[in-house]
Amino acid sequence: MTVYIDPPTWPGHGRVWSHLISDISYDELHAFADELGAPRRAFERDHYDIPSHRYEDAVRAGAVEVSSREVVRLLYGAGLRRAKRWAGPGSS
């Protein structure tokens, strides 16, 4: 099982976040996140948002540290990248 995490540089909700991904499957990602104790609500489309204070926990549990650019490359390469849906005018 290999999952990847980028540095905690993404601001939101008064915190800074990392992205936790798998390049194999969402099942692998969910299993790792469950072991880490990350709540399912932290899953967004194709990754888990991990707060900076949990970054080292994820690395100790086996997540491989990569750049944010590498996270995107790995997701696209695995066919697991899910784009945000645009919720513009007329969307429901």
C-alpha atoms as a PDB file:
ATOM      1  CA  MET A   1       0.000   0.000   0.000  1.00  0.00           C
ATOM      2  CA  THR A   2       1.439   3.361  -1.024  1.00  0.00           C
ATOM      3  CA  VAL A   3      -0.276   6.648  -0.386  1.00  0.00           C
ATOM      4  CA  TYR A   4       1.194  10.102  -0.868  1.00  0.00           C
ATOM      5  CA  ILE A   5       0.946  13.413   0.962  1.00  0.00           C
ATOM      6  CA  ASP A   6       1.972  16.911  -0.043  1.00  0.00           C
ATOM      7  CA  PRO A   7       3.266  19.574   2.356  1.00  0.00           C
ATOM      8  CA  PRO A   8       0.687  21.432   4.442  1.00  0.00           C
ATOM      9  CA  THR A   9       0.490  24.660   2.432  1.00  0.00           C
ATOM     10  CA  TRP A  10      -3.211  24.912   1.542  1.00  0.00           C
ATOM     11  CA  PRO A  11      -5.101  27.427   3.737  1.00  0.00           C
ATOM     12  CA  GLY A  12      -8.730  26.969   4.715  1.00  0.00           C
ATOM     13  CA  HIS A  13     -11.010  27.258   7.730  1.00  0.00           C
ATOM     14  CA  GLY A  14      -8.264  28.847   9.837  1.00  0.00           C
ATOM     15  CA  ARG A  15      -5.849  25.964   9.260  1.00  0.00           C
ATOM     16  CA  VAL A  16      -3.275  24.797   6.748  1.00  0.00           C
ATOM     17  CA  TRP A  17      -3.881  21.495   4.935  1.00  0.00           C
ATOM     18  CA  SER A  18      -2.152  18.688   3.032  1.00  0.00           C
ATOM     19  CA  HIS A  19      -3.645  16.394   0.421  1.00  0.00           C
ATOM     20  CA  LEU A  20      -3.506  12.629   0.978  1.00  0.00           C
ATOM     21  CA  ILE A  21      -3.904  10.507  -2.166  1.00  0.00           C
ATOM     22  CA  SER A  22      -3.492   7.022  -3.594  1.00  0.00           C
ATOM     23  CA  ASP A  23      -2.215   6.209  -7.059  1.00  0.00           C
ATOM     24  CA  ILE A  24      -3.922   2.799  -6.978  1.00  0.00           C
ATOM     25  CA  SER A  25      -7.525   3.168  -5.834  1.00  0.00           C
ATOM     26  CA  TYR A  26      -9.944   5.037  -3.629  1.00  0.00           C
ATOM     27  CA  ASP A  27     -10.363   1.832  -1.603  1.00  0.00           C
ATOM     28  CA  GLU A  28      -6.660   1.932  -0.739  1.00  0.00           C
ATOM     29  CA  LEU A  29      -6.942   5.608   0.176  1.00  0.00           C
ATOM     30  CA  HIS A  30     -10.006   5.077   2.378  1.00  0.00           C
ATOM     31  CA  ALA A  31      -8.330   2.138   4.154  1.00  0.00           C
ATOM     32  CA  PHE A  32      -5.240   4.234   4.945  1.00  0.00           C
ATOM     33  CA  ALA A  33      -7.361   7.187   6.075  1.00  0.00           C
ATOM     34  CA  ASP A  34      -9.387   4.881   8.332  1.00  0.00           C
ATOM     35  CA  GLU A  35      -6.177   3.583   9.939  1.00  0.00           C
ATOM     36  CA  LEU A  36      -4.997   7.172  10.382  1.00  0.00           C
ATOM     37  CA  GLY A  37      -8.316   8.114  11.978  1.00  0.00           C
ATOM     38  CA  ALA A  38      -9.204  10.686   9.313  1.00  0.00           C
ATOM     39  CA  PRO A  39     -12.969  11.213   9.140  1.00  0.00           C
ATOM     40  CA  ARG A  40     -14.730  10.360   5.871  1.00  0.00           C
ATOM     41  CA  ARG A  41     -15.954  13.961   5.685  1.00  0.00           C
ATOM     42  CA  ALA A  42     -12.298  14.937   5.020  1.00  0.00           C
ATOM     43  CA  PHE A  43     -12.518  13.139   1.640  1.00  0.00           C
ATOM     44  CA  GLU A  44     -13.005  15.573  -1.230  1.00  0.00           C
ATOM     45  CA  ARG A  45     -13.440  14.142  -4.743  1.00  0.00           C
ATOM     46  CA  ASP A  46     -10.068  12.363  -5.023  1.00  0.00           C
ATOM     47  CA  HIS A  47      -8.120  13.147  -1.849  1.00  0.00           C
ATOM     48  CA  TYR A  48      -8.323  13.591   1.887  1.00  0.00           C
ATOM     49  CA  ASP A  49      -7.635  16.990   3.400  1.00  0.00           C
ATOM     50  CA  ILE A  50      -5.254  16.454   6.303  1.00  0.00           C
ATOM     51  CA  PRO A  51      -4.610  19.310   8.775  1.00  0.00           C
ATOM     52  CA  SER A  52      -0.994  20.315   9.324  1.00  0.00           C
ATOM     53  CA  HIS A  53      -0.945  18.968  12.882  1.00  0.00           C
ATOM     54  CA  ARG A  54      -1.652  15.449  11.478  1.00  0.00           C
ATOM     55  CA  TYR A  55       0.957  15.608   8.683  1.00  0.00           C
ATOM     56  CA  GLU A  56       3.703  13.837  10.663  1.00  0.00           C
ATOM     57  CA  ASP A  57       1.199  11.193  11.804  1.00  0.00           C
ATOM     58  CA  ALA A  58       0.450  10.393   8.162  1.00  0.00           C
ATOM     59  CA  VAL A  59       4.152  10.182   7.287  1.00  0.00           C
ATOM     60  CA  ARG A  60       4.861   7.935  10.290  1.00  0.00           C
ATOM     61  CA  ALA A  61       1.968   5.703   9.176  1.00  0.00           C
ATOM     62  CA  GLY A  62       3.626   5.285   5.770  1.00  0.00           C
ATOM     63  CA  ALA A  63       2.495   8.151   3.530  1.00  0.00           C
ATOM     64  CA  VAL A  64       5.227   9.155   1.090  1.00  0.00           C
ATOM     65  CA  GLU A  65       6.078  12.859   1.064  1.00  0.00           C
ATOM     66  CA  VAL A  66       5.793  14.433  -2.403  1.00  0.00           C
ATOM     67  CA  SER A  67       5.269  17.901  -3.848  1.00  0.00           C
ATOM     68  CA  SER A  68       1.819  19.268  -4.610  1.00  0.00           C
ATOM     69  CA  ARG A  69       2.664  19.076  -8.303  1.00  0.00           C
ATOM     70  CA  GLU A  70       3.529  15.390  -7.889  1.00  0.00           C
ATOM     71  CA  VAL A  71       0.162  14.745  -6.183  1.00  0.00           C
ATOM     72  CA  VAL A  72      -1.647  16.039  -9.264  1.00  0.00           C
ATOM     73  CA  ARG A  73       0.641  14.102 -11.625  1.00  0.00           C
ATOM     74  CA  LEU A  74       0.091  10.864  -9.699  1.00  0.00           C
ATOM     75  CA  LEU A  75      -3.698  11.307  -9.672  1.00  0.00           C
ATOM     76  CA  TYR A  76      -3.841  11.977 -13.416  1.00  0.00           C
ATOM     77  CA  GLY A  77      -1.452   9.105 -14.151  1.00  0.00           C
ATOM     78  CA  ALA A  78      -3.638   6.691 -12.189  1.00  0.00           C
ATOM     79  CA  GLY A  79      -6.838   7.985 -13.783  1.00  0.00           C
ATOM     80  CA  LEU A  80      -8.129   8.974 -10.339  1.00  0.00           C
ATOM     81  CA  ARG A  81      -8.262  12.768 -10.750  1.00  0.00           C
ATOM     82  CA  ARG A  82     -11.792  14.110 -10.294  1.00  0.00           C
ATOM     83  CA  ALA A  83     -12.280  17.732 -11.324  1.00  0.00           C
ATOM     84  CA  LYS A  84     -14.408  20.137  -9.332  1.00  0.00           C
ATOM     85  CA  ARG A  85     -17.886  20.593 -10.716  1.00  0.00           C
ATOM     86  CA  TRP A  86     -18.708  24.114 -11.695  1.00  0.00           C
ATOM     87  CA  ALA A  87     -21.716  25.446  -9.804  1.00  0.00           C
ATOM     88  CA  GLY A  88     -22.310  28.564 -11.835  1.00  0.00           C
ATOM     89  CA  PRO A  89     -25.545  30.312 -12.801  1.00  0.00           C
ATOM     90  CA  GLY A  90     -28.389  27.931 -13.457  1.00  0.00           C
ATOM     91  CA  SER A  91     -26.696  25.000 -11.706  1.00  0.00           C
ATOM     92  CA  SER A  92     -28.734  23.007  -9.260  1.00  0.00           C
END
